[in-house]
Amino acid sequence: MNHFPNHEKYGLCQQIRNTMYDVYNLVTECQKRYHKKTSLTTLDVKHEQLRMMFKLAFDLEYYGYKNGKREHSKKEENRRYIAISVLINEIGSMIGGWIKSEQLK
């Protein structure tokens, strides 16, 4: 996460990293649990928190940084945010599909 300003290295950047790990761990937990409803709900909430943190970083214009210094144009900031958003949305679609498949059982 060297693409955030230095003052966010242990703030929002760390929160995003921890939430990404939480999402990963919850996916593993959901795979192993027999009753998945609560775990899938928690996974869905963590995913939304992750989405909102990346949106906050965009709103604070952090995608314009590289190695702690502002180096990118608005166009590049937008491109970076869109690329990340597409991936986060894809994960959300997978989680939504998983929740629906569990509801049909």
PDB file of N, CA and C in Angstrom:
ATOM      1  N   MET A   1       0.826  -1.188   0.000  1.00  0.00           N
ATOM      2  CA  MET A   1       0.000   0.000   0.000  1.00  0.00           C
ATOM      3  C   MET A   1       0.871   1.253   0.000  1.00  0.00           C
ATOM      4  N   ASN A   2       1.886   1.217  -0.831  1.00  0.00           N
ATOM      5  CA  ASN A   2       2.740   2.391  -0.937  1.00  0.00           C
ATOM      6  C   ASN A   2       2.120   3.448  -1.847  1.00  0.00           C
ATOM      7  N   HIS A   3       0.857   3.245  -2.217  1.00  0.00           N
ATOM      8  CA  HIS A   3       0.175   4.212  -3.065  1.00  0.00           C
ATOM      9  C   HIS A   3      -0.762   5.105  -2.266  1.00  0.00           C
ATOM     10  N   PHE A   4      -0.518   5.225  -0.987  1.00  0.00           N
ATOM     11  CA  PHE A   4      -1.264   6.122  -0.111  1.00  0.00           C
ATOM     12  C   PHE A   4      -0.270   7.119   0.468  1.00  0.00           C
ATOM     13  N   PRO A   5      -0.763   8.255   0.946  1.00  0.00           N
ATOM     14  CA  PRO A   5       0.153   9.207   1.590  1.00  0.00           C
ATOM     15  C   PRO A   5       0.775   8.587   2.847  1.00  0.00           C
ATOM     16  N   ASN A   6       1.955   9.061   3.182  1.00  0.00           N
ATOM     17  CA  ASN A   6       2.685   8.508   4.330  1.00  0.00           C
ATOM     18  C   ASN A   6       1.892   8.580   5.625  1.00  0.00           C
ATOM     19  N   HIS A   7       1.127   9.660   5.818  1.00  0.00           N
ATOM     20  CA  HIS A   7       0.390   9.801   7.076  1.00  0.00           C
ATOM     21  C   HIS A   7      -0.745   8.780   7.215  1.00  0.00           C
ATOM     22  N   GLU A   8      -1.086   8.061   6.140  1.00  0.00           N
ATOM     23  CA  GLU A   8      -2.131   7.036   6.212  1.00  0.00           C
ATOM     24  C   GLU A   8      -1.566   5.618   6.282  1.00  0.00           C
ATOM     25  N   LYS A   9      -0.273   5.493   6.357  1.00  0.00           N
ATOM     26  CA  LYS A   9       0.348   4.168   6.373  1.00  0.00           C
ATOM     27  C   LYS A   9      -0.201   3.303   7.500  1.00  0.00           C
ATOM     28  N   TYR A  10      -0.425   3.883   8.658  1.00  0.00           N
ATOM     29  CA  TYR A  10      -0.931   3.121   9.803  1.00  0.00           C
ATOM     30  C   TYR A  10      -2.375   3.485  10.131  1.00  0.00           C
ATOM     31  N   GLY A  11      -3.040   4.189   9.253  1.00  0.00           N
ATOM     32  CA  GLY A  11      -4.432   4.572   9.458  1.00  0.00           C
ATOM     33  C   GLY A  11      -5.328   3.768   8.540  1.00  0.00           C
ATOM     34  N   LEU A  12      -5.868   4.440   7.541  1.00  0.00           N
ATOM     35  CA  LEU A  12      -6.795   3.809   6.610  1.00  0.00           C
ATOM     36  C   LEU A  12      -6.144   2.640   5.880  1.00  0.00           C
ATOM     37  N   CYS A  13      -4.908   2.790   5.517  1.00  0.00           N
ATOM     38  CA  CYS A  13      -4.187   1.719   4.819  1.00  0.00           C
ATOM     39  C   CYS A  13      -4.183   0.434   5.647  1.00  0.00           C
ATOM     40  N   GLN A  14      -3.889   0.550   6.915  1.00  0.00           N
ATOM     41  CA  GLN A  14      -3.861  -0.618   7.801  1.00  0.00           C
ATOM     42  C   GLN A  14      -5.259  -1.196   7.980  1.00  0.00           C
ATOM     43  N   GLN A  15      -6.255  -0.326   8.077  1.00  0.00           N
ATOM     44  CA  GLN A  15      -7.633  -0.795   8.195  1.00  0.00           C
ATOM     45  C   GLN A  15      -8.050  -1.599   6.969  1.00  0.00           C
ATOM     46  N   ILE A  16      -7.701  -1.110   5.780  1.00  0.00           N
ATOM     47  CA  ILE A  16      -8.017  -1.820   4.542  1.00  0.00           C
ATOM     48  C   ILE A  16      -7.330  -3.177   4.537  1.00  0.00           C
ATOM     49  N   ARG A  17      -6.082  -3.203   4.882  1.00  0.00           N
ATOM     50  CA  ARG A  17      -5.329  -4.456   4.914  1.00  0.00           C
ATOM     51  C   ARG A  17      -5.977  -5.452   5.881  1.00  0.00           C
ATOM     52  N   ASN A  18      -6.316  -4.999   7.085  1.00  0.00           N
ATOM     53  CA  ASN A  18      -6.935  -5.890   8.067  1.00  0.00           C
ATOM     54  C   ASN A  18      -8.295  -6.392   7.595  1.00  0.00           C
ATOM     55  N   THR A  19      -9.071  -5.528   6.964  1.00  0.00           N
ATOM     56  CA  THR A  19     -10.382  -5.935   6.472  1.00  0.00           C
ATOM     57  C   THR A  19     -10.244  -6.930   5.328  1.00  0.00           C
ATOM     58  N   MET A  20      -9.247  -6.760   4.482  1.00  0.00           N
ATOM     59  CA  MET A  20      -9.013  -7.739   3.419  1.00  0.00           C
ATOM     60  C   MET A  20      -8.666  -9.100   4.016  1.00  0.00           C
ATOM     61  N   TYR A  21      -7.849  -9.113   5.045  1.00  0.00           N
ATOM     62  CA  TYR A  21      -7.534 -10.373   5.724  1.00  0.00           C
ATOM     63  C   TYR A  21      -8.781 -10.969   6.365  1.00  0.00           C
ATOM     64  N   ASP A  22      -9.621 -10.124   6.953  1.00  0.00           N
ATOM     65  CA  ASP A  22     -10.866 -10.608   7.551  1.00  0.00           C
ATOM     66  C   ASP A  22     -11.760 -11.265   6.501  1.00  0.00           C
ATOM     67  N   VAL A  23     -11.873 -10.645   5.340  1.00  0.00           N
ATOM     68  CA  VAL A  23     -12.676 -11.211   4.253  1.00  0.00           C
ATOM     69  C   VAL A  23     -12.115 -12.572   3.860  1.00  0.00           C
ATOM     70  N   TYR A  24     -10.829 -12.656   3.702  1.00  0.00           N
ATOM     71  CA  TYR A  24     -10.183 -13.925   3.335  1.00  0.00           C
ATOM     72  C   TYR A  24     -10.450 -15.001   4.393  1.00  0.00           C
ATOM     73  N   ASN A  25     -10.290 -14.635   5.647  1.00  0.00           N
ATOM     74  CA  ASN A  25     -10.522 -15.594   6.733  1.00  0.00           C
ATOM     75  C   ASN A  25     -11.985 -16.018   6.811  1.00  0.00           C
ATOM     76  N   LEU A  26     -12.896 -15.105   6.561  1.00  0.00           N
ATOM     77  CA  LEU A  26     -14.313 -15.439   6.592  1.00  0.00           C
ATOM     78  C   LEU A  26     -14.708 -16.358   5.439  1.00  0.00           C
ATOM     79  N   VAL A  27     -14.078 -16.200   4.294  1.00  0.00           N
ATOM     80  CA  VAL A  27     -14.338 -17.114   3.175  1.00  0.00           C
ATOM     81  C   VAL A  27     -13.948 -18.528   3.594  1.00  0.00           C
ATOM     82  N   THR A  28     -12.793 -18.668   4.210  1.00  0.00           N
ATOM     83  CA  THR A  28     -12.348 -19.977   4.691  1.00  0.00           C
ATOM     84  C   THR A  28     -13.314 -20.530   5.730  1.00  0.00           C
ATOM     85  N   GLU A  29     -13.732 -19.678   6.656  1.00  0.00           N
ATOM     86  CA  GLU A  29     -14.672 -20.105   7.695  1.00  0.00           C
ATOM     87  C   GLU A  29     -15.989 -20.563   7.088  1.00  0.00           C
ATOM     88  N   CYS A  30     -16.494 -19.822   6.114  1.00  0.00           N
ATOM     89  CA  CYS A  30     -17.758 -20.180   5.478  1.00  0.00           C
ATOM     90  C   CYS A  30     -17.655 -21.509   4.730  1.00  0.00           C
ATOM     91  N   GLN A  31     -16.516 -21.775   4.159  1.00  0.00           N
ATOM     92  CA  GLN A  31     -16.331 -23.045   3.450  1.00  0.00           C
ATOM     93  C   GLN A  31     -16.392 -24.231   4.406  1.00  0.00           C
ATOM     94  N   LYS A  32     -15.945 -24.043   5.620  1.00  0.00           N
ATOM     95  CA  LYS A  32     -15.822 -25.138   6.570  1.00  0.00           C
ATOM     96  C   LYS A  32     -17.044 -25.329   7.475  1.00  0.00           C
ATOM     97  N   ARG A  33     -17.858 -24.318   7.626  1.00  0.00           N
ATOM     98  CA  ARG A  33     -19.009 -24.417   8.532  1.00  0.00           C
ATOM     99  C   ARG A  33     -20.163 -25.154   7.859  1.00  0.00           C
ATOM    100  N   TYR A  34     -20.863 -25.946   8.655  1.00  0.00           N
ATOM    101  CA  TYR A  34     -22.044 -26.629   8.156  1.00  0.00           C
ATOM    102  C   TYR A  34     -23.195 -25.624   8.037  1.00  0.00           C
ATOM    103  N   HIS A  35     -23.433 -24.840   9.077  1.00  0.00           N
ATOM    104  CA  HIS A  35     -24.437 -23.771   9.044  1.00  0.00           C
ATOM    105  C   HIS A  35     -23.710 -22.469   8.726  1.00  0.00           C
ATOM    106  N   LYS A  36     -23.951 -21.940   7.555  1.00  0.00           N
ATOM    107  CA  LYS A  36     -23.155 -20.831   7.028  1.00  0.00           C
ATOM    108  C   LYS A  36     -23.836 -19.461   7.146  1.00  0.00           C
ATOM    109  N   LYS A  37     -25.104 -19.415   7.509  1.00  0.00           N
ATOM    110  CA  LYS A  37     -25.873 -18.165   7.423  1.00  0.00           C
ATOM    111  C   LYS A  37     -25.213 -17.002   8.165  1.00  0.00           C
ATOM    112  N   THR A  38     -24.848 -17.204   9.415  1.00  0.00           N
ATOM    113  CA  THR A  38     -24.242 -16.131  10.209  1.00  0.00           C
ATOM    114  C   THR A  38     -22.883 -15.728   9.636  1.00  0.00           C
ATOM    115  N   SER A  39     -22.085 -16.729   9.280  1.00  0.00           N
ATOM    116  CA  SER A  39     -20.749 -16.435   8.733  1.00  0.00           C
ATOM    117  C   SER A  39     -20.851 -15.703   7.405  1.00  0.00           C
ATOM    118  N   LEU A  40     -21.801 -16.096   6.552  1.00  0.00           N
ATOM    119  CA  LEU A  40     -21.975 -15.415   5.271  1.00  0.00           C
ATOM    120  C   LEU A  40     -22.461 -13.978   5.462  1.00  0.00           C
ATOM    121  N   THR A  41     -23.316 -13.768   6.450  1.00  0.00           N
ATOM    122  CA  THR A  41     -23.768 -12.406   6.746  1.00  0.00           C
ATOM    123  C   THR A  41     -22.592 -11.548   7.203  1.00  0.00           C
ATOM    124  N   THR A  42     -21.758 -12.107   8.065  1.00  0.00           N
ATOM    125  CA  THR A  42     -20.567 -11.382   8.528  1.00  0.00           C
ATOM    126  C   THR A  42     -19.626 -11.095   7.359  1.00  0.00           C
ATOM    127  N   LEU A  43     -19.455 -12.068   6.472  1.00  0.00           N
ATOM    128  CA  LEU A  43     -18.619 -11.880   5.283  1.00  0.00           C
ATOM    129  C   LEU A  43     -19.175 -10.763   4.412  1.00  0.00           C
ATOM    130  N   ASP A  44     -20.483 -10.738   4.221  1.00  0.00           N
ATOM    131  CA  ASP A  44     -21.115  -9.707   3.412  1.00  0.00           C
ATOM    132  C   ASP A  44     -20.903  -8.320   4.019  1.00  0.00           C
ATOM    133  N   VAL A  45     -21.010  -8.217   5.332  1.00  0.00           N
ATOM    134  CA  VAL A  45     -20.790  -6.939   6.021  1.00  0.00           C
ATOM    135  C   VAL A  45     -19.336  -6.502   5.873  1.00  0.00           C
ATOM    136  N   LYS A  46     -18.396  -7.409   6.079  1.00  0.00           N
ATOM    137  CA  LYS A  46     -16.963  -7.073   5.943  1.00  0.00           C
ATOM    138  C   LYS A  46     -16.653  -6.620   4.524  1.00  0.00           C
ATOM    139  N   HIS A  47     -17.268  -7.286   3.548  1.00  0.00           N
ATOM    140  CA  HIS A  47     -17.066  -6.893   2.154  1.00  0.00           C
ATOM    141  C   HIS A  47     -17.546  -5.461   1.923  1.00  0.00           C
ATOM    142  N   GLU A  48     -18.704  -5.131   2.472  1.00  0.00           N
ATOM    143  CA  GLU A  48     -19.225  -3.769   2.307  1.00  0.00           C
ATOM    144  C   GLU A  48     -18.327  -2.753   3.004  1.00  0.00           C
ATOM    145  N   GLN A  49     -17.795  -3.106   4.165  1.00  0.00           N
ATOM    146  CA  GLN A  49     -16.847  -2.221   4.854  1.00  0.00           C
ATOM    147  C   GLN A  49     -15.618  -1.981   3.983  1.00  0.00           C
ATOM    148  N   LEU A  50     -15.142  -3.037   3.346  1.00  0.00           N
ATOM    149  CA  LEU A  50     -13.984  -2.910   2.459  1.00  0.00           C
ATOM    150  C   LEU A  50     -14.296  -1.972   1.300  1.00  0.00           C
ATOM    151  N   ARG A  51     -15.471  -2.149   0.702  1.00  0.00           N
ATOM    152  CA  ARG A  51     -15.898  -1.286  -0.403  1.00  0.00           C
ATOM    153  C   ARG A  51     -15.916   0.184   0.037  1.00  0.00           C
ATOM    154  N   MET A  52     -16.452   0.439   1.222  1.00  0.00           N
ATOM    155  CA  MET A  52     -16.560   1.808   1.717  1.00  0.00           C
ATOM    156  C   MET A  52     -15.185   2.406   2.046  1.00  0.00           C
ATOM    157  N   MET A  53     -14.257   1.599   2.517  1.00  0.00           N
ATOM    158  CA  MET A  53     -12.912   2.108   2.804  1.00  0.00           C
ATOM    159  C   MET A  53     -12.191   2.515   1.523  1.00  0.00           C
ATOM    160  N   PHE A  54     -12.341   1.714   0.469  1.00  0.00           N
ATOM    161  CA  PHE A  54     -11.729   2.094  -0.806  1.00  0.00           C
ATOM    162  C   PHE A  54     -12.392   3.342  -1.377  1.00  0.00           C
ATOM    163  N   LYS A  55     -13.707   3.485  -1.178  1.00  0.00           N
ATOM    164  CA  LYS A  55     -14.416   4.699  -1.619  1.00  0.00           C
ATOM    165  C   LYS A  55     -13.925   5.912  -0.839  1.00  0.00           C
ATOM    166  N   LEU A  56     -13.737   5.736   0.480  1.00  0.00           N
ATOM    167  CA  LEU A  56     -13.210   6.829   1.304  1.00  0.00           C
ATOM    168  C   LEU A  56     -11.828   7.250   0.817  1.00  0.00           C
ATOM    169  N   ALA A  57     -10.979   6.279   0.516  1.00  0.00           N
ATOM    170  CA  ALA A  57      -9.637   6.593   0.011  1.00  0.00           C
ATOM    171  C   ALA A  57      -9.730   7.391  -1.293  1.00  0.00           C
ATOM    172  N   PHE A  58     -10.698   7.043  -2.135  1.00  0.00           N
ATOM    173  CA  PHE A  58     -10.891   7.792  -3.380  1.00  0.00           C
ATOM    174  C   PHE A  58     -11.369   9.208  -3.089  1.00  0.00           C
ATOM    175  N   ASP A  59     -12.349   9.327  -2.189  1.00  0.00           N
ATOM    176  CA  ASP A  59     -12.878  10.653  -1.834  1.00  0.00           C
ATOM    177  C   ASP A  59     -11.799  11.553  -1.232  1.00  0.00           C
ATOM    178  N   LEU A  60     -10.866  10.951  -0.515  1.00  0.00           N
ATOM    179  CA  LEU A  60      -9.758  11.713   0.081  1.00  0.00           C
ATOM    180  C   LEU A  60      -8.590  11.912  -0.888  1.00  0.00           C
ATOM    181  N   GLU A  61      -8.777  11.441  -2.124  1.00  0.00           N
ATOM    182  CA  GLU A  61      -7.814  11.603  -3.222  1.00  0.00           C
ATOM    183  C   GLU A  61      -6.479  10.906  -2.955  1.00  0.00           C
ATOM    184  N   TYR A  62      -6.522   9.742  -2.321  1.00  0.00           N
ATOM    185  CA  TYR A  62      -5.298   8.998  -2.011  1.00  0.00           C
ATOM    186  C   TYR A  62      -4.768   8.205  -3.201  1.00  0.00           C
ATOM    187  N   TYR A  63      -5.567   8.007  -4.230  1.00  0.00           N
ATOM    188  CA  TYR A  63      -5.106   7.245  -5.384  1.00  0.00           C
ATOM    189  C   TYR A  63      -4.149   8.036  -6.259  1.00  0.00           C
ATOM    190  N   GLY A  64      -3.931   9.283  -5.929  1.00  0.00           N
ATOM    191  CA  GLY A  64      -2.985  10.110  -6.668  1.00  0.00           C
ATOM    192  C   GLY A  64      -1.573  10.020  -6.131  1.00  0.00           C
ATOM    193  N   TYR A  65      -1.363   9.201  -5.111  1.00  0.00           N
ATOM    194  CA  TYR A  65      -0.047   9.091  -4.473  1.00  0.00           C
ATOM    195  C   TYR A  65       0.720   7.867  -4.952  1.00  0.00           C
ATOM    196  N   LYS A  66       2.024   7.999  -4.913  1.00  0.00           N
ATOM    197  CA  LYS A  66       2.922   6.871  -5.161  1.00  0.00           C
ATOM    198  C   LYS A  66       4.139   7.084  -4.276  1.00  0.00           C
ATOM    199  N   ASN A  67       4.468   6.069  -3.498  1.00  0.00           N
ATOM    200  CA  ASN A  67       5.575   6.145  -2.545  1.00  0.00           C
ATOM    201  C   ASN A  67       5.449   7.350  -1.611  1.00  0.00           C
ATOM    202  N   GLY A  68       4.214   7.611  -1.207  1.00  0.00           N
ATOM    203  CA  GLY A  68       3.960   8.664  -0.230  1.00  0.00           C
ATOM    204  C   GLY A  68       3.879  10.071  -0.780  1.00  0.00           C
ATOM    205  N   LYS A  69       4.048  10.243  -2.095  1.00  0.00           N
ATOM    206  CA  LYS A  69       4.012  11.579  -2.696  1.00  0.00           C
ATOM    207  C   LYS A  69       2.965  11.619  -3.810  1.00  0.00           C
ATOM    208  N   ARG A  70       2.324  12.769  -3.943  1.00  0.00           N
ATOM    209  CA  ARG A  70       1.320  12.931  -4.999  1.00  0.00           C
ATOM    210  C   ARG A  70       2.023  12.984  -6.353  1.00  0.00           C
ATOM    211  N   GLU A  71       1.710  11.990  -7.179  1.00  0.00           N
ATOM    212  CA  GLU A  71       2.377  11.905  -8.486  1.00  0.00           C
ATOM    213  C   GLU A  71       1.429  11.651  -9.647  1.00  0.00           C
ATOM    214  N   HIS A  72       0.164  11.330  -9.362  1.00  0.00           N
ATOM    215  CA  HIS A  72      -0.733  10.931 -10.435  1.00  0.00           C
ATOM    216  C   HIS A  72      -1.813  11.974 -10.689  1.00  0.00           C
ATOM    217  N   SER A  73      -2.273  12.001 -11.932  1.00  0.00           N
ATOM    218  CA  SER A  73      -3.330  12.926 -12.345  1.00  0.00           C
ATOM    219  C   SER A  73      -4.696  12.408 -11.882  1.00  0.00           C
ATOM    220  N   LYS A  74      -5.692  13.265 -11.997  1.00  0.00           N
ATOM    221  CA  LYS A  74      -7.065  12.877 -11.666  1.00  0.00           C
ATOM    222  C   LYS A  74      -7.519  11.706 -12.534  1.00  0.00           C
ATOM    223  N   LYS A  75      -7.129  11.732 -13.788  1.00  0.00           N
ATOM    224  CA  LYS A  75      -7.503  10.654 -14.698  1.00  0.00           C
ATOM    225  C   LYS A  75      -6.935   9.321 -14.206  1.00  0.00           C
ATOM    226  N   GLU A  76      -5.700   9.323 -13.769  1.00  0.00           N
ATOM    227  CA  GLU A  76      -5.069   8.104 -13.248  1.00  0.00           C
ATOM    228  C   GLU A  76      -5.717   7.681 -11.928  1.00  0.00           C
ATOM    229  N   GLU A  77      -6.064   8.651 -11.087  1.00  0.00           N
ATOM    230  CA  GLU A  77      -6.762   8.330  -9.836  1.00  0.00           C
ATOM    231  C   GLU A  77      -8.076   7.619 -10.144  1.00  0.00           C
ATOM    232  N   ASN A  78      -8.839   8.150 -11.085  1.00  0.00           N
ATOM    233  CA  ASN A  78     -10.105   7.547 -11.469  1.00  0.00           C
ATOM    234  C   ASN A  78      -9.903   6.143 -12.030  1.00  0.00           C
ATOM    235  N   ARG A  79      -8.899   5.971 -12.868  1.00  0.00           N
ATOM    236  CA  ARG A  79      -8.622   4.659 -13.457  1.00  0.00           C
ATOM    237  C   ARG A  79      -8.310   3.637 -12.378  1.00  0.00           C
ATOM    238  N   ARG A  80      -7.492   4.038 -11.415  1.00  0.00           N
ATOM    239  CA  ARG A  80      -7.121   3.133 -10.322  1.00  0.00           C
ATOM    240  C   ARG A  80      -8.339   2.747  -9.490  1.00  0.00           C
ATOM    241  N   TYR A  81      -9.155   3.740  -9.175  1.00  0.00           N
ATOM    242  CA  TYR A  81     -10.343   3.463  -8.362  1.00  0.00           C
ATOM    243  C   TYR A  81     -11.310   2.537  -9.098  1.00  0.00           C
ATOM    244  N   ILE A  82     -11.520   2.780 -10.365  1.00  0.00           N
ATOM    245  CA  ILE A  82     -12.416   1.935 -11.156  1.00  0.00           C
ATOM    246  C   ILE A  82     -11.894   0.507 -11.218  1.00  0.00           C
ATOM    247  N   ALA A  83     -10.590   0.345 -11.403  1.00  0.00           N
ATOM    248  CA  ALA A  83     -10.001  -0.996 -11.459  1.00  0.00           C
ATOM    249  C   ALA A  83     -10.220  -1.750 -10.143  1.00  0.00           C
ATOM    250  N   ILE A  84     -10.021  -1.083  -9.034  1.00  0.00           N
ATOM    251  CA  ILE A  84     -10.233  -1.710  -7.729  1.00  0.00           C
ATOM    252  C   ILE A  84     -11.715  -1.983  -7.507  1.00  0.00           C
ATOM    253  N   SER A  85     -12.570  -1.043  -7.892  1.00  0.00           N
ATOM    254  CA  SER A  85     -14.011  -1.209  -7.701  1.00  0.00           C
ATOM    255  C   SER A  85     -14.548  -2.409  -8.474  1.00  0.00           C
ATOM    256  N   VAL A  86     -14.050  -2.619  -9.671  1.00  0.00           N
ATOM    257  CA  VAL A  86     -14.485  -3.767 -10.472  1.00  0.00           C
ATOM    258  C   VAL A  86     -14.168  -5.067  -9.736  1.00  0.00           C
ATOM    259  N   LEU A  87     -12.972  -5.158  -9.175  1.00  0.00           N
ATOM    260  CA  LEU A  87     -12.588  -6.366  -8.437  1.00  0.00           C
ATOM    261  C   LEU A  87     -13.427  -6.545  -7.172  1.00  0.00           C
ATOM    262  N   ILE A  88     -13.655  -5.467  -6.453  1.00  0.00           N
ATOM    263  CA  ILE A  88     -14.473  -5.547  -5.234  1.00  0.00           C
ATOM    264  C   ILE A  88     -15.908  -5.931  -5.581  1.00  0.00           C
ATOM    265  N   ASN A  89     -16.434  -5.391  -6.671  1.00  0.00           N
ATOM    266  CA  ASN A  89     -17.790  -5.749  -7.104  1.00  0.00           C
ATOM    267  C   ASN A  89     -17.876  -7.218  -7.500  1.00  0.00           C
ATOM    268  N   GLU A  90     -16.840  -7.719  -8.121  1.00  0.00           N
ATOM    269  CA  GLU A  90     -16.807  -9.130  -8.509  1.00  0.00           C
ATOM    270  C   GLU A  90     -16.845 -10.036  -7.270  1.00  0.00           C
ATOM    271  N   ILE A  91     -16.086  -9.666  -6.263  1.00  0.00           N
ATOM    272  CA  ILE A  91     -16.114 -10.417  -5.001  1.00  0.00           C
ATOM    273  C   ILE A  91     -17.515 -10.351  -4.401  1.00  0.00           C
ATOM    274  N   GLY A  92     -18.121  -9.173  -4.420  1.00  0.00           N
ATOM    275  CA  GLY A  92     -19.477  -9.017  -3.908  1.00  0.00           C
ATOM    276  C   GLY A  92     -20.482  -9.884  -4.650  1.00  0.00           C
ATOM    277  N   SER A  93     -20.333 -10.001  -5.953  1.00  0.00           N
ATOM    278  CA  SER A  93     -21.217 -10.861  -6.743  1.00  0.00           C
ATOM    279  C   SER A  93     -21.065 -12.317  -6.343  1.00  0.00           C
ATOM    280  N   MET A  94     -19.829 -12.725  -6.100  1.00  0.00           N
ATOM    281  CA  MET A  94     -19.590 -14.103  -5.670  1.00  0.00           C
ATOM    282  C   MET A  94     -20.210 -14.367  -4.299  1.00  0.00           C
ATOM    283  N   ILE A  95     -20.051 -13.411  -3.393  1.00  0.00           N
ATOM    284  CA  ILE A  95     -20.641 -13.554  -2.053  1.00  0.00           C
ATOM    285  C   ILE A  95     -22.166 -13.604  -2.158  1.00  0.00           C
ATOM    286  N   GLY A  96     -22.745 -12.719  -2.961  1.00  0.00           N
ATOM    287  CA  GLY A  96     -24.194 -12.709  -3.153  1.00  0.00           C
ATOM    288  C   GLY A  96     -24.709 -14.019  -3.719  1.00  0.00           C
ATOM    289  N   GLY A  97     -23.993 -14.565  -4.690  1.00  0.00           N
ATOM    290  CA  GLY A  97     -24.367 -15.857  -5.262  1.00  0.00           C
ATOM    291  C   GLY A  97     -24.293 -16.972  -4.235  1.00  0.00           C
ATOM    292  N   TRP A  98     -23.273 -16.915  -3.402  1.00  0.00           N
ATOM    293  CA  TRP A  98     -23.097 -17.911  -2.352  1.00  0.00           C
ATOM    294  C   TRP A  98     -24.249 -17.839  -1.351  1.00  0.00           C
ATOM    295  N   ILE A  99     -24.618 -16.621  -0.971  1.00  0.00           N
ATOM    296  CA  ILE A  99     -25.736 -16.435  -0.039  1.00  0.00           C
ATOM    297  C   ILE A  99     -27.028 -16.981  -0.649  1.00  0.00           C
ATOM    298  N   LYS A 100     -27.278 -16.674  -1.912  1.00  0.00           N
ATOM    299  CA  LYS A 100     -28.492 -17.169  -2.573  1.00  0.00           C
ATOM    300  C   LYS A 100     -28.507 -18.682  -2.663  1.00  0.00           C
ATOM    301  N   SER A 101     -27.368 -19.278  -2.964  1.00  0.00           N
ATOM    302  CA  SER A 101     -27.326 -20.743  -3.071  1.00  0.00           C
ATOM    303  C   SER A 101     -27.584 -21.415  -1.721  1.00  0.00           C
ATOM    304  N   GLU A 102     -27.162 -20.771  -0.636  1.00  0.00           N
ATOM    305  CA  GLU A 102     -27.419 -21.312   0.704  1.00  0.00           C
ATOM    306  C   GLU A 102     -28.879 -21.159   1.100  1.00  0.00           C
ATOM    307  N   GLN A 103     -29.528 -20.114   0.609  1.00  0.00           N
ATOM    308  CA  GLN A 103     -30.938 -19.896   0.926  1.00  0.00           C
ATOM    309  C   GLN A 103     -31.832 -20.923   0.235  1.00  0.00           C
ATOM    310  N   LEU A 104     -31.368 -21.443  -0.892  1.00  0.00           N
ATOM    311  CA  LEU A 104     -32.160 -22.426  -1.661  1.00  0.00           C
ATOM    312  C   LEU A 104     -32.091 -23.821  -1.051  1.00  0.00           C
ATOM    313  N   LYS A 105     -31.160 -24.034  -0.145  1.00  0.00           N
ATOM    314  CA  LYS A 105     -31.001 -25.370   0.448  1.00  0.00           C
ATOM    315  C   LYS A 105     -32.039 -25.636   1.499  1.00  0.00           C
TER     316      LYS A 105
END
